[in-house]
Amino acid sequence: METMALRIDHVSKGAKRLTECLTKSAVVEAVLWPPLPESPGHALWKRDFLGASGVFSVLLAKGFSANLDSALNALETFVIGASWGGTRSLVAPMSIKALRKAVPWDREDLIIRFSVGLEDIEELEADIQAFLSALCGQQENKTATKTNAA
């Protein structure tokens, strides 16, 4: 509890930088994070909250989910998991269409949930860039790069 305010501040700043990066990408249809003015629920968030968490969701533009496995493999700092709020940055792809009962879901049947941890924000930003590049089919071959450098 003694470090809670510092941790929340760090993950919120990290989420802000990452969501700004993601919203500029052509492979992303939308980023769902209440502090973003274009995010659903922003007005309620603005009315009721002073800060934000580091958890947000990404909806990919049509067709880009085909490269999701490569994009997830491109991540080096984010790890796959679904235990939000810890010290590690996590990512979890989720199929959601079948889970929507009250309001039908007419978008891609996939969201990617991110939870920002306590890692260096620049490392997380580099991870997001690698993720986006791989979604576009531009993943660099890390093994070849390491071999050539040796």
Protein backbone atom coordinates (compact mmCIF):
# COMPACT_ATOMS: atom_id res chain seq x y z
CA MET A 1 0.00 0.00 0.00
CA GLU A 2 2.93 2.32 0.67
CA THR A 3 3.88 2.39 -3.01
CA MET A 4 0.38 2.19 -4.53
CA ALA A 5 0.23 5.86 -5.62
CA LEU A 6 3.64 5.62 -7.31
CA ARG A 7 2.72 2.40 -9.11
CA ILE A 8 -0.64 3.72 -10.31
CA ASP A 9 1.03 6.91 -11.52
CA HIS A 10 3.63 4.91 -13.49
CA VAL A 11 1.15 2.52 -15.13
CA SER A 12 -1.22 5.37 -15.98
CA LYS A 13 1.56 7.38 -17.64
CA GLY A 14 2.67 4.26 -19.48
CA ALA A 15 -0.85 3.50 -20.68
CA LYS A 16 -1.24 7.08 -21.89
CA ARG A 17 1.93 6.88 -24.01
CA LEU A 18 1.10 3.44 -25.38
CA THR A 19 -2.51 4.27 -26.23
CA GLU A 20 -1.36 7.44 -28.02
CA CYS A 21 1.04 5.31 -30.07
CA LEU A 22 -1.63 2.70 -30.84
CA THR A 23 -4.32 5.20 -31.88
CA LYS A 24 -1.99 6.51 -34.61
CA SER A 25 -1.59 3.09 -36.22
CA ALA A 26 -3.53 2.06 -39.32
CA VAL A 27 -3.76 -1.52 -38.00
CA VAL A 28 -5.79 -0.38 -34.98
CA GLU A 29 -9.49 0.32 -35.34
CA ALA A 30 -9.91 1.60 -31.78
CA VAL A 31 -8.28 1.76 -28.38
CA LEU A 32 -10.64 1.35 -25.45
CA TRP A 33 -9.30 3.28 -22.46
CA PRO A 34 -11.69 5.68 -20.71
CA PRO A 35 -9.24 8.64 -20.49
CA LEU A 36 -9.16 8.83 -24.30
CA PRO A 37 -11.79 11.35 -25.46
CA GLU A 38 -12.94 9.00 -28.27
CA SER A 39 -13.30 6.01 -25.93
CA PRO A 40 -16.79 4.85 -24.92
CA GLY A 41 -17.50 5.92 -21.36
CA HIS A 42 -15.10 8.88 -21.46
CA ALA A 43 -17.71 11.34 -20.17
CA LEU A 44 -18.42 9.14 -17.13
CA TRP A 45 -14.70 8.64 -16.51
CA LYS A 46 -14.08 12.38 -16.71
CA ARG A 47 -16.94 13.08 -14.32
CA ASP A 48 -16.08 10.41 -11.75
CA PHE A 49 -12.33 9.82 -11.81
CA LEU A 50 -9.10 11.71 -11.28
CA GLY A 51 -6.75 9.06 -12.69
CA ALA A 52 -6.65 5.86 -14.67
CA SER A 53 -5.32 2.34 -14.54
CA GLY A 54 -2.87 0.78 -16.94
CA VAL A 55 -5.38 -1.65 -18.47
CA PHE A 56 -6.72 -0.96 -21.96
CA SER A 57 -8.06 -2.89 -24.95
CA VAL A 58 -7.19 -2.71 -28.62
CA LEU A 59 -9.51 -3.52 -31.50
CA LEU A 60 -7.61 -4.38 -34.65
CA ALA A 61 -8.67 -3.11 -38.06
CA LYS A 62 -10.22 -5.78 -40.30
CA GLY A 63 -7.77 -8.33 -41.63
CA PHE A 64 -4.87 -7.68 -39.27
CA SER A 65 -5.76 -10.40 -36.77
CA ALA A 66 -4.33 -12.92 -39.26
CA ASN A 67 -0.84 -11.91 -38.10
CA LEU A 68 -1.66 -11.90 -34.40
CA ASP A 69 0.47 -14.95 -33.53
CA SER A 70 3.54 -13.32 -35.10
CA ALA A 71 2.75 -10.04 -33.36
CA LEU A 72 2.47 -11.72 -29.96
CA ASN A 73 5.77 -13.53 -30.60
CA ALA A 74 7.41 -10.16 -31.37
CA LEU A 75 6.73 -8.97 -27.82
CA GLU A 76 9.72 -9.19 -25.50
CA THR A 77 8.60 -7.25 -22.42
CA PHE A 78 4.85 -7.91 -22.41
CA VAL A 79 4.03 -11.52 -21.55
CA ILE A 80 0.77 -13.38 -22.12
CA GLY A 81 -1.36 -13.42 -19.01
CA ALA A 82 -4.57 -12.14 -17.47
CA SER A 83 -3.75 -11.12 -13.91
CA TRP A 84 -4.18 -7.36 -14.12
CA GLY A 85 -2.52 -4.99 -11.70
CA GLY A 86 0.75 -6.77 -10.98
CA THR A 87 4.26 -5.53 -11.60
CA ARG A 88 4.64 -7.28 -15.01
CA SER A 89 3.17 -5.97 -18.23
CA LEU A 90 0.70 -8.43 -19.69
CA VAL A 91 -1.18 -8.98 -22.92
CA ALA A 92 -4.17 -11.26 -23.53
CA PRO A 93 -6.01 -11.76 -26.83
CA MET A 94 -9.69 -12.52 -26.26
CA SER A 95 -12.56 -13.60 -28.45
CA ILE A 96 -15.59 -11.64 -27.28
CA LYS A 97 -18.46 -11.98 -29.76
CA ALA A 98 -20.00 -14.99 -28.00
CA LEU A 99 -19.75 -13.22 -24.64
CA ARG A 100 -21.81 -10.21 -25.76
CA LYS A 101 -25.49 -10.76 -24.93
CA ALA A 102 -27.06 -7.35 -24.25
CA VAL A 103 -25.42 -5.45 -27.11
CA PRO A 104 -24.47 -7.35 -30.28
CA TRP A 105 -20.81 -7.12 -31.33
CA ASP A 106 -20.42 -6.31 -35.03
CA ARG A 107 -16.65 -5.78 -35.14
CA GLU A 108 -13.74 -8.21 -35.40
CA ASP A 109 -14.25 -11.04 -32.90
CA LEU A 110 -11.06 -10.25 -31.08
CA ILE A 111 -9.73 -7.70 -28.66
CA ILE A 112 -6.25 -7.51 -27.24
CA ARG A 113 -6.12 -6.54 -23.56
CA PHE A 114 -2.95 -4.88 -22.31
CA SER A 115 -1.97 -4.27 -18.71
CA VAL A 116 0.98 -1.95 -18.16
CA GLY A 117 3.39 -2.99 -15.42
CA LEU A 118 6.38 -1.33 -13.83
CA GLU A 119 8.89 -1.83 -16.66
CA ASP A 120 10.58 1.10 -18.36
CA ILE A 121 8.02 2.88 -20.54
CA GLU A 122 10.47 3.18 -23.46
CA GLU A 123 10.90 -0.63 -23.45
CA LEU A 124 7.13 -1.07 -23.51
CA GLU A 125 6.83 1.44 -26.34
CA ALA A 126 9.47 -0.48 -28.34
CA ASP A 127 7.48 -3.65 -27.70
CA ILE A 128 4.30 -2.02 -29.01
CA GLN A 129 6.16 -0.86 -32.14
CA ALA A 130 7.42 -4.43 -32.74
CA PHE A 131 3.85 -5.71 -32.17
CA LEU A 132 2.43 -3.25 -34.73
CA SER A 133 5.16 -4.03 -37.28
CA ALA A 134 4.48 -7.75 -36.96
CA LEU A 135 0.75 -7.16 -37.44
CA CYS A 136 1.66 -5.56 -40.77
CA GLY A 137 3.76 -8.62 -41.67
CA GLN A 138 7.02 -6.72 -41.16
CA GLN A 139 8.47 -8.73 -38.28
CA GLU A 140 12.23 -8.78 -38.35
CA ASN A 141 13.96 -12.08 -37.94
CA LYS A 142 15.58 -11.68 -34.52
CA THR A 143 17.66 -14.84 -34.91
CA ALA A 144 19.15 -13.67 -38.18
CA THR A 145 19.81 -10.23 -36.74
CA LYS A 146 21.60 -11.70 -33.71
CA THR A 147 23.59 -14.11 -35.91
CA ASN A 148 24.67 -11.34 -38.29
CA ALA A 149 25.73 -9.15 -35.37
CA ALA A 150 28.00 -11.86 -33.93
